[in-house]
């Protein structure tokens, strides 16, 4: 099955303006518009070979994040505003989020034992997460490569 996802930020893409710098920054960092993945179940043995298996999902609301991202409907477009504290929200809460996500698998404190692929919201965020969790540089190498070659 092909799954295609489009973020609401697609509606913020409009002519750039030097007057609205935070909106420009939001477009630059969160301007990725669409992603696709092939997802399957009941694989055909000896024909298909899955690369990853989804074993668990959750959703966690980061404390004190209300207003960190905001959208405003204007006559010509939807504007996007990114609060200056967003880069700190992620590393300041990443340990609690990971503890919640991995407690049922008994993975705690040393996250170097798992595979990492991080949405590359920006180099500062990737570096802060790497530092906060004490990750080895190779754990973020793929995410940093995607950011440098393709952007967010």
N, C-alpha and C. Protein backbone atom coordinates (compact mmCIF):
# COMPACT_ATOMS: atom_id res chain seq x y z
N UNK A 1 0.85 -1.16 0.00
CA UNK A 1 0.00 0.00 0.00
C UNK A 1 0.91 1.23 0.00
N UNK A 2 0.59 2.20 -0.81
CA UNK A 2 1.31 3.47 -0.85
C UNK A 2 0.58 4.47 0.04
N UNK A 3 1.30 5.03 1.00
CA UNK A 3 0.73 6.04 1.87
C UNK A 3 1.43 7.36 1.56
N UNK A 4 0.64 8.40 1.31
CA UNK A 4 1.17 9.72 1.02
C UNK A 4 0.64 10.68 2.08
N UNK A 5 1.53 11.44 2.68
CA UNK A 5 1.15 12.41 3.71
C UNK A 5 1.58 13.80 3.27
N UNK A 6 0.70 14.75 3.50
CA UNK A 6 1.02 16.14 3.20
C UNK A 6 0.81 16.96 4.46
N UNK A 7 1.78 17.79 4.80
CA UNK A 7 1.66 18.62 5.99
C UNK A 7 0.85 19.86 5.68
N UNK A 8 0.22 20.40 6.70
CA UNK A 8 -0.58 21.61 6.52
C UNK A 8 0.29 22.78 6.11
N UNK A 9 1.60 22.69 6.33
CA UNK A 9 2.47 23.80 5.94
C UNK A 9 2.50 24.03 4.44
N UNK A 10 1.93 23.10 3.67
CA UNK A 10 1.85 23.32 2.22
C UNK A 10 1.08 24.61 1.93
N UNK A 11 0.15 24.97 2.80
CA UNK A 11 -0.66 26.17 2.58
C UNK A 11 0.10 27.44 2.94
N UNK A 12 1.29 27.31 3.54
CA UNK A 12 2.06 28.51 3.89
C UNK A 12 3.02 28.91 2.78
N UNK A 13 3.11 28.10 1.74
CA UNK A 13 4.04 28.41 0.66
C UNK A 13 3.47 29.52 -0.21
N UNK A 14 4.12 30.65 -0.18
CA UNK A 14 3.71 31.81 -0.96
C UNK A 14 4.96 32.66 -1.20
N UNK A 15 4.82 33.75 -1.88
CA UNK A 15 5.96 34.61 -2.16
C UNK A 15 6.67 35.04 -0.89
N UNK A 16 7.96 34.96 -0.90
CA UNK A 16 8.74 35.29 0.28
C UNK A 16 8.79 36.79 0.50
N UNK A 17 8.88 37.19 1.77
CA UNK A 17 8.91 38.60 2.12
C UNK A 17 9.97 38.83 3.19
N UNK A 18 10.80 39.83 2.99
CA UNK A 18 11.81 40.16 3.99
C UNK A 18 11.19 40.83 5.21
N UNK A 19 9.94 41.26 5.10
CA UNK A 19 9.26 41.92 6.21
C UNK A 19 8.88 40.92 7.29
N UNK A 20 8.46 39.74 6.89
CA UNK A 20 7.98 38.73 7.82
C UNK A 20 9.04 37.64 7.97
N UNK A 21 10.11 37.92 8.73
CA UNK A 21 11.26 37.03 8.81
C UNK A 21 10.90 35.70 9.47
N UNK A 22 10.07 35.69 10.53
CA UNK A 22 9.74 34.43 11.18
C UNK A 22 8.94 33.52 10.25
N UNK A 23 8.11 34.10 9.41
CA UNK A 23 7.38 33.31 8.44
C UNK A 23 8.33 32.74 7.40
N UNK A 24 9.30 33.54 6.98
CA UNK A 24 10.32 33.08 6.05
C UNK A 24 11.10 31.92 6.66
N UNK A 25 11.46 32.03 7.94
CA UNK A 25 12.20 30.98 8.62
C UNK A 25 11.34 29.70 8.71
N UNK A 26 10.08 29.86 9.01
CA UNK A 26 9.18 28.71 9.06
C UNK A 26 9.08 28.00 7.73
N UNK A 27 9.01 28.78 6.64
CA UNK A 27 8.94 28.18 5.31
C UNK A 27 10.24 27.44 4.98
N UNK A 28 11.36 28.02 5.38
CA UNK A 28 12.66 27.41 5.07
C UNK A 28 12.87 26.12 5.86
N UNK A 29 12.50 26.13 7.13
CA UNK A 29 12.75 24.96 7.97
C UNK A 29 11.67 23.89 7.80
N UNK A 30 10.42 24.31 7.73
CA UNK A 30 9.33 23.34 7.68
C UNK A 30 8.65 23.30 6.32
N UNK A 31 9.39 23.62 5.27
CA UNK A 31 8.81 23.69 3.94
C UNK A 31 8.67 22.35 3.25
N UNK A 32 9.01 21.27 3.93
CA UNK A 32 8.80 19.98 3.29
C UNK A 32 7.30 19.76 3.18
N UNK A 33 6.88 19.39 2.02
CA UNK A 33 5.46 19.42 1.74
C UNK A 33 4.83 18.03 1.73
N UNK A 34 5.55 17.04 1.27
CA UNK A 34 4.91 15.74 1.11
C UNK A 34 5.94 14.63 1.30
N UNK A 35 5.45 13.49 1.75
CA UNK A 35 6.29 12.30 1.90
C UNK A 35 5.45 11.09 1.52
N UNK A 36 6.12 10.04 1.13
CA UNK A 36 5.41 8.82 0.75
C UNK A 36 6.17 7.61 1.25
N UNK A 37 5.44 6.56 1.52
CA UNK A 37 6.07 5.31 1.95
C UNK A 37 5.21 4.14 1.47
N UNK A 38 5.87 3.07 1.18
CA UNK A 38 5.15 1.83 0.86
C UNK A 38 5.08 1.02 2.14
N UNK A 39 3.87 0.71 2.56
CA UNK A 39 3.64 -0.01 3.79
C UNK A 39 2.86 -1.27 3.45
N UNK A 40 3.26 -2.37 4.03
CA UNK A 40 2.57 -3.61 3.71
C UNK A 40 2.36 -4.47 4.93
N UNK A 41 1.61 -5.50 4.75
CA UNK A 41 1.39 -6.52 5.78
C UNK A 41 1.26 -7.85 5.06
N UNK A 42 1.40 -8.92 5.80
CA UNK A 42 1.31 -10.26 5.23
C UNK A 42 2.24 -10.40 4.02
N UNK A 43 3.52 -10.26 4.29
CA UNK A 43 4.50 -10.32 3.21
C UNK A 43 4.46 -11.67 2.50
N UNK A 44 4.87 -11.67 1.27
CA UNK A 44 4.96 -12.90 0.49
C UNK A 44 6.35 -13.49 0.73
N UNK A 45 6.45 -14.62 1.43
CA UNK A 45 7.76 -15.20 1.73
C UNK A 45 8.56 -15.48 0.45
N UNK A 46 9.86 -15.27 0.52
CA UNK A 46 10.79 -15.48 -0.59
C UNK A 46 10.59 -14.52 -1.76
N UNK A 47 9.68 -13.57 -1.63
CA UNK A 47 9.45 -12.57 -2.69
C UNK A 47 9.72 -11.17 -2.12
N UNK A 48 9.12 -10.88 -0.98
CA UNK A 48 9.26 -9.58 -0.35
C UNK A 48 10.15 -9.70 0.88
N UNK A 49 10.91 -8.65 1.13
CA UNK A 49 11.75 -8.64 2.31
C UNK A 49 11.61 -7.29 3.01
N UNK A 50 10.93 -7.26 4.16
CA UNK A 50 10.75 -5.97 4.85
C UNK A 50 12.06 -5.45 5.42
N UNK A 51 12.21 -4.14 5.39
CA UNK A 51 13.40 -3.51 5.96
C UNK A 51 13.21 -3.15 7.42
N UNK A 52 12.02 -2.71 7.78
CA UNK A 52 11.72 -2.29 9.14
C UNK A 52 10.37 -2.87 9.55
N UNK A 53 10.18 -2.99 10.84
CA UNK A 53 8.91 -3.45 11.37
C UNK A 53 8.43 -2.45 12.40
N UNK A 54 7.22 -1.96 12.24
CA UNK A 54 6.63 -1.04 13.20
C UNK A 54 6.05 -1.88 14.33
N UNK A 55 6.58 -1.70 15.53
CA UNK A 55 6.13 -2.53 16.65
C UNK A 55 5.32 -1.76 17.68
N UNK A 56 5.38 -0.44 17.63
CA UNK A 56 4.68 0.34 18.66
C UNK A 56 4.61 1.79 18.24
N UNK A 57 3.55 2.47 18.60
CA UNK A 57 3.43 3.91 18.34
C UNK A 57 2.85 4.60 19.57
N UNK A 58 3.08 5.88 19.65
CA UNK A 58 2.45 6.68 20.71
C UNK A 58 2.47 8.14 20.27
N UNK A 59 1.78 8.93 21.03
CA UNK A 59 1.77 10.37 20.80
C UNK A 59 1.91 11.04 22.14
N UNK A 60 2.81 12.00 22.23
CA UNK A 60 3.06 12.70 23.48
C UNK A 60 3.05 14.19 23.20
N UNK A 61 2.36 14.94 24.03
CA UNK A 61 2.34 16.39 23.90
C UNK A 61 3.47 16.94 24.77
N UNK A 62 4.34 17.72 24.18
CA UNK A 62 5.47 18.29 24.90
C UNK A 62 4.96 19.37 25.85
N UNK A 63 5.33 19.29 27.13
CA UNK A 63 4.88 20.31 28.09
C UNK A 63 5.34 21.72 27.68
N UNK A 64 4.52 22.70 27.97
CA UNK A 64 4.82 24.11 27.73
C UNK A 64 5.09 24.42 26.25
N UNK A 65 4.47 23.66 25.38
CA UNK A 65 4.68 23.89 23.94
C UNK A 65 3.52 24.64 23.29
N UNK A 66 2.53 25.00 24.05
CA UNK A 66 1.40 25.73 23.47
C UNK A 66 1.88 27.06 22.90
N UNK A 67 1.54 27.32 21.67
CA UNK A 67 1.94 28.55 21.00
C UNK A 67 3.31 28.50 20.35
N UNK A 68 3.99 27.36 20.45
CA UNK A 68 5.33 27.25 19.85
C UNK A 68 5.26 27.38 18.33
N UNK A 69 4.24 26.83 17.75
CA UNK A 69 3.99 26.95 16.31
C UNK A 69 2.59 27.53 16.17
N UNK A 70 2.46 28.51 15.32
CA UNK A 70 1.13 29.07 15.12
C UNK A 70 0.91 29.41 13.65
N UNK A 71 -0.33 29.33 13.27
CA UNK A 71 -0.75 29.65 11.91
C UNK A 71 -1.78 30.77 11.98
N UNK A 72 -1.73 31.67 11.02
CA UNK A 72 -2.69 32.76 10.96
C UNK A 72 -3.24 32.84 9.54
N UNK A 73 -4.54 32.75 9.43
CA UNK A 73 -5.19 32.84 8.14
C UNK A 73 -5.27 34.30 7.72
N UNK A 74 -4.68 34.61 6.58
CA UNK A 74 -4.67 35.96 6.04
C UNK A 74 -5.45 35.96 4.73
N UNK A 75 -5.65 37.12 4.16
CA UNK A 75 -6.41 37.23 2.92
C UNK A 75 -5.77 36.43 1.79
N UNK A 76 -4.45 36.50 1.69
CA UNK A 76 -3.76 35.88 0.56
C UNK A 76 -3.18 34.50 0.88
N UNK A 77 -3.06 34.17 2.16
CA UNK A 77 -2.38 32.91 2.48
C UNK A 77 -2.56 32.57 3.95
N UNK A 78 -1.96 31.48 4.31
CA UNK A 78 -1.86 31.06 5.70
C UNK A 78 -0.42 31.31 6.13
N UNK A 79 -0.22 32.14 7.14
CA UNK A 79 1.15 32.42 7.58
C UNK A 79 1.52 31.50 8.73
N UNK A 80 2.79 31.26 8.84
CA UNK A 80 3.35 30.32 9.80
C UNK A 80 4.33 31.05 10.69
N UNK A 81 4.19 30.90 11.98
CA UNK A 81 5.08 31.57 12.92
C UNK A 81 5.69 30.55 13.87
N UNK A 82 6.98 30.62 14.02
CA UNK A 82 7.74 29.70 14.84
C UNK A 82 8.30 30.47 16.03
N UNK A 83 7.94 30.06 17.25
CA UNK A 83 8.43 30.74 18.44
C UNK A 83 9.92 30.49 18.61
N UNK A 84 10.64 31.47 19.12
CA UNK A 84 12.10 31.38 19.24
C UNK A 84 12.55 30.25 20.17
N UNK A 85 11.68 29.74 21.04
CA UNK A 85 12.07 28.69 21.98
C UNK A 85 11.91 27.28 21.45
N UNK A 86 11.41 27.12 20.22
CA UNK A 86 11.19 25.78 19.67
C UNK A 86 12.45 24.91 19.68
N UNK A 87 13.62 25.42 19.26
CA UNK A 87 14.80 24.56 19.28
C UNK A 87 15.13 23.99 20.66
N UNK A 88 14.78 24.69 21.73
CA UNK A 88 15.05 24.18 23.08
C UNK A 88 13.98 23.23 23.57
N UNK A 89 12.76 23.35 23.06
CA UNK A 89 11.68 22.47 23.51
C UNK A 89 12.00 21.00 23.26
N UNK A 90 12.59 20.73 22.12
CA UNK A 90 12.85 19.33 21.75
C UNK A 90 13.91 18.70 22.64
N UNK A 91 15.13 19.24 22.70
CA UNK A 91 16.13 18.60 23.56
C UNK A 91 15.78 18.63 25.05
N UNK A 92 15.05 19.66 25.49
CA UNK A 92 14.69 19.73 26.90
C UNK A 92 13.66 18.69 27.31
N UNK A 93 12.97 18.10 26.34
CA UNK A 93 11.93 17.12 26.65
C UNK A 93 12.18 15.75 26.05
N UNK A 94 13.26 15.60 25.29
CA UNK A 94 13.49 14.36 24.55
C UNK A 94 13.65 13.15 25.46
N UNK A 95 14.32 13.31 26.60
CA UNK A 95 14.52 12.16 27.48
C UNK A 95 13.20 11.64 28.04
N UNK A 96 12.31 12.53 28.46
CA UNK A 96 11.02 12.09 28.98
C UNK A 96 10.20 11.39 27.91
N UNK A 97 10.23 11.93 26.70
CA UNK A 97 9.49 11.32 25.59
C UNK A 97 10.03 9.93 25.27
N UNK A 98 11.36 9.80 25.22
CA UNK A 98 11.97 8.50 24.93
C UNK A 98 11.75 7.51 26.06
N UNK A 99 11.84 7.96 27.29
CA UNK A 99 11.57 7.06 28.42
C UNK A 99 10.17 6.47 28.32
N UNK A 100 9.21 7.32 27.99
CA UNK A 100 7.82 6.85 27.83
C UNK A 100 7.70 5.88 26.66
N UNK A 101 8.36 6.20 25.56
CA UNK A 101 8.26 5.37 24.36
C UNK A 101 8.93 4.01 24.52
N UNK A 102 10.06 3.96 25.22
CA UNK A 102 10.84 2.74 25.27
C UNK A 102 10.76 1.96 26.57
N UNK A 103 9.96 2.42 27.53
CA UNK A 103 9.93 1.72 28.82
C UNK A 103 9.43 0.28 28.69
N UNK A 104 8.52 0.04 27.78
CA UNK A 104 8.01 -1.34 27.63
C UNK A 104 9.04 -2.26 26.97
N UNK A 105 10.11 -1.69 26.40
CA UNK A 105 11.17 -2.49 25.78
C UNK A 105 12.43 -2.53 26.65
N UNK A 106 12.34 -1.95 27.85
CA UNK A 106 13.47 -1.90 28.79
C UNK A 106 14.71 -1.25 28.19
N UNK A 107 14.50 -0.24 27.38
CA UNK A 107 15.62 0.54 26.85
C UNK A 107 15.60 1.88 27.58
N UNK A 108 16.63 2.11 28.39
CA UNK A 108 16.71 3.34 29.16
C UNK A 108 18.12 3.91 29.10
N UNK A 109 18.20 5.20 29.08
CA UNK A 109 19.43 5.96 29.33
C UNK A 109 20.50 5.88 28.25
N UNK A 110 20.76 4.74 27.65
CA UNK A 110 21.76 4.71 26.59
C UNK A 110 21.06 4.40 25.28
N UNK A 111 20.78 5.46 24.55
CA UNK A 111 20.03 5.31 23.30
C UNK A 111 20.95 5.06 22.11
N UNK A 112 22.20 4.71 22.36
CA UNK A 112 23.12 4.35 21.29
C UNK A 112 22.87 2.95 20.76
N UNK A 113 22.01 2.20 21.42
CA UNK A 113 21.74 0.82 21.01
C UNK A 113 20.58 0.70 20.03
N UNK A 114 19.99 1.82 19.67
CA UNK A 114 18.87 1.77 18.73
C UNK A 114 19.22 2.54 17.46
N UNK A 115 18.48 2.26 16.40
CA UNK A 115 18.66 2.92 15.11
C UNK A 115 17.95 4.27 15.15
N UNK A 116 18.61 5.30 14.65
CA UNK A 116 18.05 6.64 14.68
C UNK A 116 17.81 7.17 13.27
N UNK A 117 16.64 7.74 13.07
CA UNK A 117 16.37 8.56 11.90
C UNK A 117 15.47 9.69 12.41
N UNK A 118 16.02 10.88 12.39
CA UNK A 118 15.37 12.03 13.02
C UNK A 118 14.93 13.00 11.94
N UNK A 119 13.71 13.50 12.07
CA UNK A 119 13.23 14.54 11.16
C UNK A 119 14.19 15.72 11.30
N UNK A 120 14.87 16.08 10.23
CA UNK A 120 15.91 17.10 10.33
C UNK A 120 15.36 18.52 10.34
N UNK A 121 14.73 18.91 11.43
CA UNK A 121 14.16 20.25 11.51
C UNK A 121 15.20 21.35 11.44
N UNK A 122 16.43 21.00 11.68
CA UNK A 122 17.52 21.96 11.61
C UNK A 122 18.73 21.38 12.31
N UNK A 123 19.89 21.85 11.91
CA UNK A 123 21.14 21.33 12.47
C UNK A 123 21.24 21.58 13.96
N UNK A 124 20.78 22.73 14.42
CA UNK A 124 20.84 23.04 15.86
C UNK A 124 20.05 22.02 16.67
N UNK A 125 18.88 21.64 16.18
CA UNK A 125 18.06 20.66 16.90
C UNK A 125 18.75 19.30 16.90
N UNK A 126 19.28 18.88 15.75
CA UNK A 126 19.97 17.59 15.70
C UNK A 126 21.17 17.57 16.64
N UNK A 127 21.94 18.65 16.65
CA UNK A 127 23.10 18.72 17.55
C UNK A 127 22.69 18.70 19.02
N UNK A 128 21.63 19.42 19.36
CA UNK A 128 21.18 19.45 20.75
C UNK A 128 20.65 18.10 21.21
N UNK A 129 19.93 17.40 20.36
CA UNK A 129 19.44 16.06 20.70
C UNK A 129 20.61 15.10 20.88
N UNK A 130 21.56 15.16 19.96
CA UNK A 130 22.76 14.31 20.04
C UNK A 130 23.49 14.55 21.35
N UNK A 131 23.67 15.82 21.70
CA UNK A 131 24.37 16.17 22.94
C UNK A 131 23.59 15.75 24.19
N UNK A 132 22.30 16.05 24.20
CA UNK A 132 21.46 15.77 25.37
C UNK A 132 21.40 14.28 25.67
N UNK A 133 21.35 13.44 24.63
CA UNK A 133 21.23 12.01 24.82
C UNK A 133 22.58 11.29 24.85
N UNK A 134 23.66 12.04 24.63
CA UNK A 134 24.98 11.42 24.62
C UNK A 134 25.14 10.43 23.48
N UNK A 135 24.57 10.76 22.32
CA UNK A 135 24.63 9.86 21.17
C UNK A 135 26.00 9.92 20.50
N UNK A 136 26.42 8.81 20.01
CA UNK A 136 27.65 8.76 19.21
C UNK A 136 27.36 9.49 17.90
N UNK A 137 28.38 10.18 17.33
CA UNK A 137 28.16 10.97 16.11
C UNK A 137 27.54 10.17 14.96
N UNK A 138 27.85 8.91 14.83
CA UNK A 138 27.29 8.12 13.72
C UNK A 138 25.79 7.92 13.84
N UNK A 139 25.22 8.11 15.02
CA UNK A 139 23.77 7.93 15.19
C UNK A 139 22.97 9.01 14.46
N UNK A 140 23.54 10.19 14.34
CA UNK A 140 22.85 11.28 13.65
C UNK A 140 23.41 11.53 12.26
N UNK A 141 24.37 10.75 11.84
CA UNK A 141 25.02 10.98 10.54
C UNK A 141 24.01 10.95 9.39
N UNK A 142 23.10 9.99 9.38
CA UNK A 142 22.11 9.89 8.30
C UNK A 142 21.19 11.10 8.26
N UNK A 143 20.70 11.51 9.42
CA UNK A 143 19.80 12.66 9.49
C UNK A 143 20.50 13.94 9.06
N UNK A 144 21.77 14.09 9.47
CA UNK A 144 22.53 15.28 9.08
C UNK A 144 22.84 15.27 7.58
N UNK A 145 23.05 14.10 7.04
CA UNK A 145 23.30 14.00 5.60
C UNK A 145 22.05 14.42 4.82
N UNK A 146 20.90 13.90 5.23
CA UNK A 146 19.64 14.27 4.55
C UNK A 146 19.43 15.77 4.64
N UNK A 147 19.67 16.35 5.80
CA UNK A 147 19.50 17.79 5.97
C UNK A 147 20.43 18.57 5.04
N UNK A 148 21.69 18.15 4.96
CA UNK A 148 22.66 18.90 4.14
C UNK A 148 22.41 18.73 2.64
N UNK A 149 21.93 17.58 2.23
CA UNK A 149 21.73 17.31 0.80
C UNK A 149 20.34 17.69 0.28
N UNK A 150 19.32 17.55 1.13
CA UNK A 150 17.95 17.73 0.67
C UNK A 150 17.15 18.75 1.47
N UNK A 151 17.71 19.22 2.58
CA UNK A 151 16.97 20.16 3.43
C UNK A 151 16.02 19.41 4.35
N UNK A 152 15.11 20.15 4.89
CA UNK A 152 14.17 19.59 5.85
C UNK A 152 13.25 18.60 5.17
